[in-house]
C-alpha atoms as a PDB file:
ATOM      1  CA  UNK A   1     -36.098 -51.155  41.839  1.00  0.00           C
ATOM      2  CA  UNK A   2     -37.032 -48.293  39.534  1.00  0.00           C
ATOM      3  CA  UNK A   3     -39.779 -48.473  36.956  1.00  0.00           C
ATOM      4  CA  UNK A   4     -38.982 -47.611  33.349  1.00  0.00           C
ATOM      5  CA  UNK A   5     -41.091 -44.833  31.951  1.00  0.00           C
ATOM      6  CA  UNK A   6     -42.644 -45.264  28.525  1.00  0.00           C
ATOM      7  CA  UNK A   7     -40.265 -42.730  26.968  1.00  0.00           C
ATOM      8  CA  UNK A   8     -37.209 -44.542  28.333  1.00  0.00           C
ATOM      9  CA  UNK A   9     -38.525 -47.821  26.982  1.00  0.00           C
ATOM     10  CA  UNK A  10     -39.019 -46.337  23.523  1.00  0.00           C
ATOM     11  CA  UNK A  11     -35.536 -44.778  23.579  1.00  0.00           C
ATOM     12  CA  UNK A  12     -33.943 -48.109  24.491  1.00  0.00           C
ATOM     13  CA  UNK A  13     -35.988 -49.978  21.864  1.00  0.00           C
ATOM     14  CA  UNK A  14     -35.136 -47.369  19.227  1.00  0.00           C
ATOM     15  CA  UNK A  15     -31.421 -47.609  19.943  1.00  0.00           C
ATOM     16  CA  UNK A  16     -31.535 -51.416  19.832  1.00  0.00           C
ATOM     17  CA  UNK A  17     -33.409 -51.505  16.524  1.00  0.00           C
ATOM     18  CA  UNK A  18     -31.160 -48.886  14.917  1.00  0.00           C
ATOM     19  CA  UNK A  19     -28.118 -50.859  16.113  1.00  0.00           C
ATOM     20  CA  UNK A  20     -29.526 -53.986  14.465  1.00  0.00           C
ATOM     21  CA  UNK A  21     -30.157 -52.021  11.275  1.00  0.00           C
ATOM     22  CA  UNK A  22     -26.633 -50.587  11.188  1.00  0.00           C
ATOM     23  CA  UNK A  23     -24.618 -53.636  12.239  1.00  0.00           C
ATOM     24  CA  UNK A  24     -26.722 -56.231  10.450  1.00  0.00           C
ATOM     25  CA  UNK A  25     -25.162 -59.668  10.703  1.00  0.00           C
ATOM     26  CA  UNK A  26     -23.492 -60.189  14.062  1.00  0.00           C
ATOM     27  CA  UNK A  27     -22.858 -62.814  16.709  1.00  0.00           C
ATOM     28  CA  UNK A  28     -23.019 -61.823  20.356  1.00  0.00           C
ATOM     29  CA  UNK A  29     -22.074 -64.785  22.514  1.00  0.00           C
ATOM     30  CA  UNK A  30     -24.903 -67.275  22.084  1.00  0.00           C
ATOM     31  CA  UNK A  31     -27.144 -64.814  20.174  1.00  0.00           C
ATOM     32  CA  UNK A  32     -26.782 -64.645  16.399  1.00  0.00           C
ATOM     33  CA  UNK A  33     -28.498 -61.777  14.568  1.00  0.00           C
ATOM     34  CA  UNK A  34     -28.928 -62.103  10.816  1.00  0.00           C
ATOM     35  CA  UNK A  35     -31.833 -59.856   9.754  1.00  0.00           C
ATOM     36  CA  UNK A  36     -31.251 -59.700   5.990  1.00  0.00           C
ATOM     37  CA  UNK A  37     -31.970 -56.664   3.830  1.00  0.00           C
ATOM     38  CA  UNK A  38     -35.717 -56.393   4.563  1.00  0.00           C
ATOM     39  CA  UNK A  39     -35.145 -57.023   8.261  1.00  0.00           C
ATOM     40  CA  UNK A  40     -32.545 -54.268   8.448  1.00  0.00           C
ATOM     41  CA  UNK A  41     -34.879 -51.823   6.707  1.00  0.00           C
ATOM     42  CA  UNK A  42     -37.750 -52.776   9.020  1.00  0.00           C
ATOM     43  CA  UNK A  43     -35.479 -52.424  12.070  1.00  0.00           C
ATOM     44  CA  UNK A  44     -34.456 -48.960  10.866  1.00  0.00           C
ATOM     45  CA  UNK A  45     -38.073 -47.865  10.421  1.00  0.00           C
ATOM     46  CA  UNK A  46     -39.101 -49.244  13.826  1.00  0.00           C
ATOM     47  CA  UNK A  47     -36.036 -47.696  15.493  1.00  0.00           C
ATOM     48  CA  UNK A  48     -36.561 -44.234  14.038  1.00  0.00           C
ATOM     49  CA  UNK A  49     -40.282 -44.246  14.786  1.00  0.00           C
ATOM     50  CA  UNK A  50     -39.578 -45.389  18.373  1.00  0.00           C
ATOM     51  CA  UNK A  51     -37.139 -42.520  18.878  1.00  0.00           C
ATOM     52  CA  UNK A  52     -39.597 -40.030  17.372  1.00  0.00           C
ATOM     53  CA  UNK A  53     -42.333 -41.340  19.664  1.00  0.00           C
ATOM     54  CA  UNK A  54     -40.028 -41.072  22.682  1.00  0.00           C
ATOM     55  CA  UNK A  55     -39.134 -37.497  21.704  1.00  0.00           C
ATOM     56  CA  UNK A  56     -42.824 -36.649  21.641  1.00  0.00           C
ATOM     57  CA  UNK A  57     -43.002 -36.006  17.926  1.00  0.00           C
ATOM     58  CA  UNK A  58     -45.559 -38.754  17.358  1.00  0.00           C
ATOM     59  CA  UNK A  59     -47.684 -38.068  20.440  1.00  0.00           C
ATOM     60  CA  UNK A  60     -50.735 -36.458  18.867  1.00  0.00           C
ATOM     61  CA  UNK A  61     -53.778 -35.659  20.919  1.00  0.00           C
ATOM     62  CA  UNK A  62     -57.228 -35.182  19.426  1.00  0.00           C
ATOM     63  CA  UNK A  63     -57.141 -31.438  20.131  1.00  0.00           C
ATOM     64  CA  UNK A  64     -53.853 -31.074  18.264  1.00  0.00           C
ATOM     65  CA  UNK A  65     -55.187 -33.019  15.300  1.00  0.00           C
ATOM     66  CA  UNK A  66     -58.347 -30.879  15.177  1.00  0.00           C
ATOM     67  CA  UNK A  67     -56.337 -27.652  15.253  1.00  0.00           C
ATOM     68  CA  UNK A  68     -54.020 -29.007  12.538  1.00  0.00           C
ATOM     69  CA  UNK A  69     -57.037 -29.928  10.401  1.00  0.00           C
ATOM     70  CA  UNK A  70     -58.525 -26.450  10.845  1.00  0.00           C
ATOM     71  CA  UNK A  71     -55.227 -24.771   9.980  1.00  0.00           C
ATOM     72  CA  UNK A  72     -54.725 -26.883   6.856  1.00  0.00           C
ATOM     73  CA  UNK A  73     -58.317 -26.268   5.721  1.00  0.00           C
ATOM     74  CA  UNK A  74     -57.880 -22.498   6.043  1.00  0.00           C
ATOM     75  CA  UNK A  75     -54.522 -22.652   4.260  1.00  0.00           C
ATOM     76  CA  UNK A  76     -55.991 -24.603   1.338  1.00  0.00           C
ATOM     77  CA  UNK A  77     -58.916 -22.169   1.059  1.00  0.00           C
ATOM     78  CA  UNK A  78     -56.536 -19.197   1.005  1.00  0.00           C
ATOM     79  CA  UNK A  79     -54.367 -20.883  -1.608  1.00  0.00           C
ATOM     80  CA  UNK A  80     -57.374 -21.628  -3.811  1.00  0.00           C
ATOM     81  CA  UNK A  81     -58.599 -18.043  -3.578  1.00  0.00           C
ATOM     82  CA  UNK A  82     -55.112 -16.802  -4.498  1.00  0.00           C
ATOM     83  CA  UNK A  83     -55.015 -19.120  -7.510  1.00  0.00           C
ATOM     84  CA  UNK A  84     -58.487 -17.945  -8.594  1.00  0.00           C
ATOM     85  CA  UNK A  85     -57.324 -14.313  -8.391  1.00  0.00           C
ATOM     86  CA  UNK A  86     -54.326 -15.095 -10.612  1.00  0.00           C
ATOM     87  CA  UNK A  87     -56.466 -16.819 -13.232  1.00  0.00           C
ATOM     88  CA  UNK A  88     -59.789 -14.950 -13.300  1.00  0.00           C
ATOM     89  CA  UNK A  89     -60.993 -16.571 -16.558  1.00  0.00           C
ATOM     90  CA  UNK A  90     -60.648 -20.134 -15.237  1.00  0.00           C
END
């Protein structure tokens, strides 16, 4: 028997939740799914975030977050200096 990797699990969960969000009210044999409007929206959000996580878009390491913080800090400082050059009297 093969083990499911975490990415495969998130892909399957994402597809299931998006299917619930799209189909909405359905009856599958002995299972009846009736999520309502809020439930469909929540299923859509969970499904999309599960697929993003499985694709690796939500897998942030601490090193990546630190480099992103440094980049954004430098970008904001450059933008502020550019704005100060445009408006020298301010």
